[in-house]
Structures are given as structure tokens and as C-alpha cells.
Amino acid sequence: MTLDTAQMFVALAAFFLTFSAAILGGMKWMLDRVERRTDRNFAQVDQRFAQVDQRFAQVDRRFEQVDQRFEQIDHRFDRLESRMERADARMDRADARFDERMARIDARERQIDDRLLKIDANILDITAKIAGMNDSIVEMKASLARLEGPQPPLLIARG
């Protein structure tokens, strides 16, 4: 091997070494840049996750408020239901009293109807008796007129 060949090998090795160092330096620069971008992106993602966690905390508080409101509404519905049950019980008692009173009124109406029928029967009896009395009064007048005799048509003075 000659000196020129050895120099050429040394130059070739130096070229490869320089080229390798340049490639490795570029790769290191690119990896540093990727790492910085990745760190920045991860920081943004962490920041977004923190915002999402805050929003979930707000939503949890709102759900707790809604749960409290639903509990209040449930209590109100329970009170309303108990009031409605009491009102239903009062209405049932009022209906029972009304039915009882209506039954008494119906019984009283039947008694009044019976009395009115009796009164009607009595009035018919009285009317029949009065009619009979009228007939006998007419007969009495006729008998009296026969007993008294004929009367002049124009009686000026009686005395």
C-alpha cells in the first residue's frame, strides 16, 4: 500500500467521519426541535386538561346544585301530596255529609209529599162535603120557598 493510498483512505475516513458528524449533528438538532415542540404541545395539552378539569368541577358543582334543587322540589311535592291527601279526606267527609244531608232532605221531601197527598185528599173530601152541603142548602131553599108560598115578582116593601 502506498502512501497515496493510505492518504486517500485517511481522507475517505475523515470524509465519512465529517459526514457522519454532520448527519448526527443535524439529527440531534432535529430531535431537540421535536422535543421542544413535543414539550410545548404537552404543556398546552396539560393546560387544556387543567381547563377541562376546572369545567368538570364547575359541572359537578352545578349538578350538586341541581340535585339540591331536585331534593327541594321532592320535599315540596311531598308537602303538596300530603296537602292533597288531606284535601281529599276533607272532600270525602264533605261528600259523606252532603250525601247524608241529601238523604235527610229526600226523606223530608217524601214526608212532605205524603202530607201534601193527605192534604189533597182532605181538600177533596172537604170539597165533596161542601158540594154536598150546597146541594142540601139548595134543597133547603127550595123547601123553604115552597113553604113560604109564591112571592110577588116585585116586592116593594116588606114589612
Protein backbone atom coordinates (compact mmCIF):
# COMPACT_ATOMS: atom_id res chain seq x y z
CA MET A 1 0.00 0.00 0.00
CA THR A 2 1.40 3.25 -0.96
CA LEU A 3 1.36 6.49 0.79
CA ASP A 4 -1.13 7.94 -1.64
CA THR A 5 -3.49 5.07 -0.98
CA ALA A 6 -3.08 5.49 2.74
CA GLN A 7 -3.76 9.21 2.46
CA MET A 8 -6.75 8.51 0.36
CA PHE A 9 -8.07 6.08 2.98
CA VAL A 10 -7.40 8.61 5.71
CA ALA A 11 -9.14 11.32 3.64
CA LEU A 12 -12.01 8.96 2.95
CA ALA A 13 -12.29 8.06 6.64
CA ALA A 14 -12.16 11.79 7.54
CA PHE A 15 -14.87 12.47 4.93
CA PHE A 16 -17.09 9.72 6.38
CA LEU A 17 -16.37 10.92 9.89
CA THR A 18 -17.20 14.53 8.95
CA PHE A 19 -20.29 13.45 7.04
CA SER A 20 -21.38 11.24 9.98
CA ALA A 21 -20.77 14.10 12.42
CA ALA A 22 -22.85 16.46 10.22
CA ILE A 23 -25.65 13.92 9.93
CA LEU A 24 -25.58 13.20 13.66
CA GLY A 25 -25.46 16.94 14.44
CA GLY A 26 -28.47 17.55 12.17
CA MET A 27 -30.31 14.66 13.72
CA LYS A 28 -29.53 15.98 17.19
CA TRP A 29 -30.80 19.45 16.16
CA MET A 30 -33.99 17.90 14.68
CA LEU A 31 -34.54 15.75 17.76
CA ASP A 32 -34.06 18.80 20.04
CA ARG A 33 -36.56 20.72 17.93
CA VAL A 34 -39.05 17.79 18.02
CA GLU A 35 -38.52 17.52 21.79
CA ARG A 36 -39.18 21.26 22.28
CA ARG A 37 -42.32 21.08 20.13
CA THR A 38 -43.47 17.95 21.95
CA ASP A 39 -42.84 19.59 25.33
CA ARG A 40 -44.70 22.70 24.20
CA ASN A 41 -47.60 20.60 22.87
CA PHE A 42 -47.67 18.54 26.06
CA ALA A 43 -47.72 21.76 28.09
CA GLN A 44 -50.66 23.00 26.00
CA VAL A 45 -52.42 19.65 26.43
CA ASP A 46 -51.78 19.77 30.19
CA GLN A 47 -53.15 23.31 30.26
CA ARG A 48 -56.23 22.18 28.33
CA PHE A 49 -56.67 19.24 30.68
CA ALA A 50 -56.47 21.66 33.61
CA GLN A 51 -59.19 23.79 31.96
CA VAL A 52 -61.28 20.68 31.34
CA ASP A 53 -60.80 19.67 34.99
CA GLN A 54 -62.00 23.14 36.05
CA ARG A 55 -65.02 22.84 33.78
CA PHE A 56 -65.79 19.39 35.18
CA ALA A 57 -65.51 20.83 38.67
CA GLN A 58 -67.99 23.56 37.66
CA VAL A 59 -70.29 20.95 36.14
CA ASP A 60 -70.04 18.87 39.32
CA ARG A 61 -70.99 21.93 41.40
CA ARG A 62 -73.89 22.62 39.07
CA PHE A 63 -75.02 19.01 39.33
CA GLU A 64 -74.85 19.28 43.12
CA GLN A 65 -76.96 22.44 42.92
CA VAL A 66 -79.41 20.70 40.61
CA ASP A 67 -79.54 17.73 42.99
CA GLN A 68 -80.28 20.11 45.88
CA ARG A 69 -82.99 21.78 43.84
CA PHE A 70 -84.50 18.39 42.97
CA GLU A 71 -84.45 17.47 46.66
CA GLN A 72 -86.24 20.75 47.44
CA ILE A 73 -88.75 20.02 44.70
CA ASP A 74 -89.23 16.49 46.05
CA HIS A 75 -89.91 17.93 49.51
CA ARG A 76 -92.33 20.41 48.00
CA PHE A 77 -94.08 17.62 46.08
CA ASP A 78 -94.26 15.57 49.28
CA ARG A 79 -95.85 18.51 51.11
CA LEU A 80 -98.19 19.10 48.19
CA GLU A 81 -99.11 15.43 48.12
CA SER A 82 -99.86 15.42 51.85
CA ARG A 83 -101.95 18.57 51.41
CA MET A 84 -103.81 16.94 48.53
CA GLU A 85 -104.42 13.83 50.64
CA ARG A 86 -105.78 15.99 53.46
CA ALA A 87 -107.93 17.89 50.96
CA ASP A 88 -109.18 14.58 49.53
CA ALA A 89 -110.02 13.39 53.05
CA ARG A 90 -111.88 16.66 53.72
CA MET A 91 -113.71 16.34 50.41
CA ASP A 92 -114.63 12.75 51.24
CA ARG A 93 -116.00 13.87 54.62
CA ALA A 94 -117.83 16.75 52.95
CA ASP A 95 -119.24 14.36 50.34
CA ALA A 96 -120.38 12.00 53.10
CA ARG A 97 -122.03 14.89 54.97
CA PHE A 98 -123.60 16.10 51.74
CA ASP A 99 -124.91 12.61 50.94
CA GLU A 100 -126.28 12.32 54.47
CA ARG A 101 -127.97 15.70 54.23
CA MET A 102 -129.35 14.86 50.79
CA ALA A 103 -130.74 11.59 52.19
CA ARG A 104 -132.41 13.54 55.02
CA ILE A 105 -133.73 16.08 52.50
CA ASP A 106 -135.07 13.26 50.31
CA ALA A 107 -136.77 11.67 53.35
CA ARG A 108 -138.20 15.04 54.33
CA GLU A 109 -139.43 15.61 50.75
CA ARG A 110 -141.14 12.20 50.83
CA GLN A 111 -142.82 13.16 54.14
CA ILE A 112 -143.90 16.49 52.64
CA ASP A 113 -145.19 14.72 49.53
CA ASP A 114 -147.16 12.29 51.74
CA ARG A 115 -148.60 15.22 53.74
CA LEU A 116 -149.45 17.07 50.53
CA LEU A 117 -151.24 13.97 49.26
CA LYS A 118 -153.15 13.76 52.55
CA ILE A 119 -153.96 17.47 52.31
CA ASP A 120 -155.14 17.00 48.72
CA ALA A 121 -157.30 14.08 49.85
CA ASN A 122 -158.67 16.20 52.71
CA ILE A 123 -159.34 19.10 50.35
CA LEU A 124 -161.18 16.72 48.01
CA ASP A 125 -163.21 15.39 50.96
CA ILE A 126 -163.95 18.95 52.12
CA THR A 127 -164.85 19.96 48.55
CA ALA A 128 -167.16 16.95 48.30
CA LYS A 129 -168.73 17.81 51.67
CA ILE A 130 -169.14 21.45 50.66
CA ALA A 131 -170.70 20.32 47.38
CA GLY A 132 -172.99 18.09 49.40
CA MET A 133 -173.80 20.99 51.71
CA ASN A 134 -174.50 23.20 48.71
CA ASP A 135 -176.92 20.62 47.42
CA SER A 136 -178.66 20.43 50.78
CA ILE A 137 -178.72 24.26 51.09
CA VAL A 138 -180.26 24.47 47.64
CA GLU A 139 -182.78 21.83 48.66
CA MET A 140 -183.47 23.73 51.89
CA LYS A 141 -184.01 26.96 49.99
CA ALA A 142 -186.30 25.20 47.61
CA SER A 143 -188.22 23.64 50.51
CA LEU A 144 -188.40 26.96 52.32
CA ALA A 145 -189.59 28.68 49.19
CA ARG A 146 -192.32 26.04 48.84
CA LEU A 147 -193.32 26.53 52.43
CA GLU A 148 -193.48 30.31 52.14
CA GLY A 149 -195.53 30.14 49.07
CA PRO A 150 -195.38 32.15 45.93
CA GLN A 151 -193.70 35.53 46.09
CA PRO A 152 -194.67 38.51 44.06
CA PRO A 153 -192.18 39.31 41.36
CA LEU A 154 -191.61 42.87 42.50
CA LEU A 155 -191.67 43.21 46.21
CA ILE A 156 -191.54 46.92 47.01
CA ALA A 157 -191.62 46.84 50.72
CA ARG A 158 -191.60 44.10 53.17
CA GLY A 159 -192.58 44.79 56.48
